[in-house]
Protein backbone atom coordinates (compact mmCIF):
# COMPACT_ATOMS: atom_id res chain seq x y z
CA MET A 1 105.25 38.24 112.30
CA THR A 2 102.25 40.56 112.07
CA ASP A 3 99.00 38.40 111.12
CA PRO A 4 97.29 40.88 107.97
CA ILE A 5 93.67 39.80 108.74
CA ARG A 6 94.23 40.74 112.31
CA THR A 7 95.83 44.25 111.56
CA ARG A 8 92.74 44.98 109.17
CA LEU A 9 90.13 43.85 111.59
CA ASP A 10 91.32 45.91 114.42
CA GLU A 11 91.71 49.00 112.43
CA ILE A 12 87.92 48.11 110.90
CA ARG A 13 86.55 47.42 114.62
CA SER A 14 88.33 51.19 116.02
CA GLU A 15 87.15 53.28 112.77
CA LEU A 16 83.11 51.26 113.32
CA ALA A 17 83.46 52.61 116.95
CA ALA A 18 84.46 56.10 115.98
CA LEU A 19 82.24 56.41 113.35
CA ALA A 20 79.44 54.98 115.30
CA LEU A 21 80.16 57.97 118.08
CA ASP A 22 80.84 60.33 115.51
CA ALA A 23 76.91 60.06 114.70
CA GLY A 24 75.90 60.06 118.09
CA ARG A 25 75.45 56.40 118.85
CA PRO A 26 77.20 54.04 121.12
CA ALA A 27 80.51 52.72 120.26
CA ASP A 28 79.36 49.05 119.77
CA ALA A 29 76.50 50.13 117.76
CA ILE A 30 77.71 48.62 114.21
CA GLY A 31 78.20 44.73 114.14
CA LEU A 32 80.71 43.79 111.41
CA VAL A 33 79.85 41.02 109.47
CA ALA A 34 83.25 39.54 107.55
CA VAL A 35 82.52 38.29 103.87
CA ALA A 36 84.73 35.00 104.00
CA LYS A 37 83.06 33.99 100.22
CA THR A 38 85.40 32.30 98.24
CA LYS A 39 87.88 32.56 101.07
CA PRO A 40 89.50 29.15 102.72
CA VAL A 41 89.21 28.25 106.41
CA GLU A 42 92.49 29.22 107.45
CA ALA A 43 91.57 32.75 106.44
CA VAL A 44 88.33 32.28 108.58
CA ARG A 45 90.37 30.78 111.83
CA ALA A 46 92.89 33.57 111.44
CA ALA A 47 90.00 36.00 112.14
CA LEU A 48 88.14 34.09 114.49
CA ALA A 49 91.59 34.15 116.80
CA ALA A 50 91.44 37.63 115.87
CA GLY A 51 88.16 38.07 117.87
CA GLN A 52 86.00 38.04 114.88
CA ARG A 53 82.89 35.98 115.18
CA ARG A 54 80.09 36.63 112.79
CA PHE A 55 80.47 36.17 109.54
CA GLY A 56 79.06 36.06 105.73
CA GLU A 57 78.57 33.24 103.28
CA ASN A 58 76.71 33.62 99.75
CA ARG A 59 76.28 29.96 99.39
CA VAL A 60 74.83 27.09 101.04
CA GLN A 61 77.17 24.23 99.99
CA GLU A 62 80.60 26.41 100.45
CA ALA A 63 79.21 27.07 103.98
CA MET A 64 78.17 23.42 104.79
CA ALA A 65 81.63 22.69 103.95
CA LYS A 66 84.12 25.39 105.49
CA TYR A 67 81.98 25.65 109.12
CA PRO A 68 81.26 22.39 111.25
CA GLU A 69 85.11 22.39 112.34
CA LEU A 70 85.01 25.92 112.95
CA ARG A 71 81.84 25.77 115.08
CA GLY A 72 83.70 23.20 117.42
CA GLU A 73 86.78 25.40 118.24
CA PHE A 74 84.36 28.64 118.34
CA PRO A 75 81.07 27.90 119.58
CA ASP A 76 80.09 31.23 119.74
CA LEU A 77 80.50 31.73 115.82
CA GLU A 78 77.36 33.62 114.40
CA LEU A 79 76.94 32.69 110.67
CA HIS A 80 74.73 35.04 108.23
CA LEU A 81 73.55 33.80 104.73
CA ILE A 82 73.80 37.47 102.15
CA GLY A 83 73.58 35.29 98.52
CA PRO A 84 70.41 34.18 97.06
CA LEU A 85 68.67 31.77 98.87
CA GLN A 86 66.46 28.89 96.52
CA THR A 87 63.81 27.00 98.35
CA ASN A 88 65.66 23.47 97.08
CA LYS A 89 68.61 24.83 99.92
CA LEU A 90 66.16 25.79 102.78
CA LYS A 91 66.45 22.83 105.01
CA GLU A 92 70.36 22.56 104.63
CA ALA A 93 70.64 26.90 104.93
CA LEU A 94 68.40 26.74 108.42
CA ALA A 95 70.87 23.74 109.93
CA THR A 96 73.84 25.92 109.03
CA PHE A 97 73.24 30.26 109.34
CA ASP A 98 72.12 31.49 112.09
CA VAL A 99 71.06 34.69 110.41
CA ILE A 100 69.51 34.68 106.80
CA GLU A 101 69.96 38.03 105.07
CA THR A 102 67.99 37.45 102.03
CA VAL A 103 64.46 36.86 102.10
CA ASP A 104 63.38 38.17 99.01
CA ARG A 105 60.16 36.96 97.24
CA PRO A 106 57.08 35.47 98.76
CA LYS A 107 57.38 31.81 97.76
CA LEU A 108 60.46 31.60 99.72
CA ALA A 109 58.73 33.10 102.48
CA GLU A 110 56.19 30.78 102.61
CA ALA A 111 58.48 28.29 102.12
CA LEU A 112 60.59 29.15 105.45
CA ALA A 113 57.08 29.90 107.44
CA GLU A 114 56.54 26.11 107.03
CA ALA A 115 59.88 24.76 107.50
CA LEU A 116 60.39 26.89 110.51
CA ALA A 117 57.10 25.76 111.95
CA LYS A 118 57.99 21.75 111.73
CA GLY A 119 60.21 22.09 114.27
CA PRO A 120 63.63 23.63 115.41
CA ALA A 121 66.40 25.29 113.46
CA ARG A 122 69.70 26.77 113.62
CA THR A 123 68.88 30.33 112.18
CA ARG A 124 67.09 32.62 115.01
CA SER A 125 66.49 36.07 112.77
CA LEU A 126 65.70 36.83 109.14
CA LEU A 127 66.19 39.88 107.50
CA VAL A 128 64.00 41.20 104.35
CA GLN A 129 66.29 42.08 101.20
CA VAL A 130 65.21 45.02 99.52
CA ASN A 131 66.20 45.63 95.75
CA THR A 132 66.57 49.61 96.22
CA GLY A 133 67.68 49.67 93.09
CA GLU A 134 65.20 47.67 91.07
CA GLU A 135 67.97 46.12 89.35
CA PRO A 136 66.77 43.38 87.37
CA GLN A 137 69.91 41.10 87.43
CA LYS A 138 69.62 41.22 91.45
CA ALA A 139 67.40 39.48 94.20
CA GLY A 140 64.88 41.23 96.19
CA ILE A 141 62.04 42.98 96.60
CA PRO A 142 61.11 46.15 95.20
CA PRO A 143 60.67 49.03 97.54
CA ARG A 144 57.29 49.63 96.25
CA GLU A 145 56.35 46.04 97.10
CA ALA A 146 58.28 46.02 100.42
CA ASP A 147 55.26 47.32 102.62
CA ASP A 148 53.07 44.89 101.70
CA PHE A 149 55.64 41.90 102.06
CA ILE A 150 56.98 42.99 105.28
CA ARG A 151 54.05 43.24 107.31
CA ASP A 152 52.74 39.58 105.62
CA CYS A 153 56.04 38.47 106.42
CA LEU A 154 55.65 39.56 110.48
CA GLU A 155 51.54 39.48 110.89
CA ARG A 156 50.29 36.13 108.52
CA LEU A 157 53.46 34.14 108.67
CA LYS A 158 54.69 34.79 112.14
CA LEU A 159 58.60 34.96 110.32
CA PRO A 160 61.24 35.82 112.97
CA ILE A 161 62.00 39.49 110.67
CA ALA A 162 64.27 41.55 112.41
CA GLY A 163 65.58 43.81 110.10
CA LEU A 164 65.95 44.88 106.15
CA MET A 165 69.75 44.57 103.94
CA CYS A 166 69.85 46.20 100.60
CA ILE A 167 73.07 46.14 98.29
CA PRO A 168 73.20 49.18 96.47
CA PRO A 169 73.82 49.80 92.42
CA VAL A 170 77.41 50.20 91.75
CA ASP A 171 77.27 53.41 89.68
CA ASP A 172 74.42 55.31 92.17
CA GLU A 173 74.99 57.21 95.33
CA PRO A 174 74.39 54.98 98.09
CA SER A 175 73.51 57.01 100.61
CA LEU A 176 70.00 57.24 99.07
CA HIS A 177 69.48 53.59 99.28
CA PHE A 178 70.45 53.37 102.49
CA ALA A 179 68.03 56.44 103.53
CA LEU A 180 65.46 54.36 101.53
CA LEU A 181 66.21 51.17 103.49
CA ARG A 182 66.21 53.33 106.70
CA SER A 183 62.54 54.60 106.08
CA ILE A 184 60.99 51.58 105.08
CA ALA A 185 62.73 50.04 108.39
CA ARG A 186 61.09 52.93 110.26
CA ARG A 187 57.79 52.07 109.04
CA HIS A 188 57.38 48.53 110.86
CA GLY A 189 59.70 49.15 113.72
CA LEU A 190 62.32 47.11 112.77
CA GLU A 191 66.11 47.96 114.25
CA THR A 192 68.18 45.80 112.04
CA LEU A 193 69.64 47.70 108.85
CA SER A 194 72.31 45.53 106.72
CA MET A 195 73.75 47.90 104.91
CA GLY A 196 77.19 49.30 103.62
CA MET A 197 80.03 46.91 102.18
CA SER A 198 84.01 47.71 102.05
CA ALA A 199 83.42 50.58 99.61
CA ASP A 200 80.45 52.42 101.28
CA TYR A 201 80.16 51.23 104.59
CA ARG A 202 81.38 54.62 106.34
CA LEU A 203 78.39 56.35 104.46
CA ALA A 204 76.15 53.34 105.44
CA VAL A 205 76.83 53.96 109.71
CA GLN A 206 75.73 57.26 108.88
CA GLN A 207 72.43 56.03 107.88
CA GLY A 208 71.89 54.17 110.19
CA ALA A 209 73.52 50.89 109.48
CA THR A 210 73.31 48.45 112.20
CA LEU A 211 75.24 45.26 110.74
CA VAL A 212 77.92 46.27 107.62
CA ARG A 213 79.25 43.65 105.07
CA ILE A 214 82.49 43.58 104.93
CA GLY A 215 85.09 41.22 102.96
CA SER A 216 87.72 42.67 100.73
CA ALA A 217 88.99 45.57 103.21
CA ILE A 218 89.70 42.14 105.81
CA PHE A 219 90.58 39.50 103.61
CA GLY A 220 92.19 41.23 100.41
CA GLU A 221 90.76 41.43 97.20
CA ARG A 222 89.52 38.32 95.68
CA PRO A 223 91.05 36.65 92.76
CA PRO A 224 89.79 37.43 89.44
CA VAL A 225 87.44 34.71 87.69
CA ALA A 226 89.30 33.08 84.56
CA SER A 227 87.52 33.04 81.65
CA ALA A 228 86.47 29.49 80.15
């Protein structure tokens, strides 16, 4: 019986390679973050068995519960935090995630610098989340504050900022937000651009994405949350 997760992964990998070549980039230029939030361990293991190694999770506690056993089986697994990080979860996050994509405010940046100065952590790189649509309900540094914030993270706090991440507003043309993120990254010499999800990753690749975060197109739609 054909494994649907393997089939979807193969299709997406092939498409990402083709999109990269069409954009004049190497076939392996776009990394795939398989978003496994709310998905069971068995689904993640199926993706690992199909060769996927980079995963994204929204919640620190969920990741702490799901991945210790999987890391034992697949030591090259790379885990990204793609949801908001509260400072009271910082210690656990630094011990659990290889990459934190949601550095979004000065208080968190200060706390990260203090924690990383105390000793080794699993986390080796950070991304600044930019709220390109300036949506009040979303995390992320506003674009008008992004340059000063990024500069402070790099120069004063000496944080290992590798790039930027954004989540465009649902009803906006995403390419405009991807282009904005790319322009901010270029001003600071940052190479990693985490942008594009299941609905818009093709546009993100055209605008220079180096990481795309894809969940439902790999694992299937998440069931609706039951109302209380």
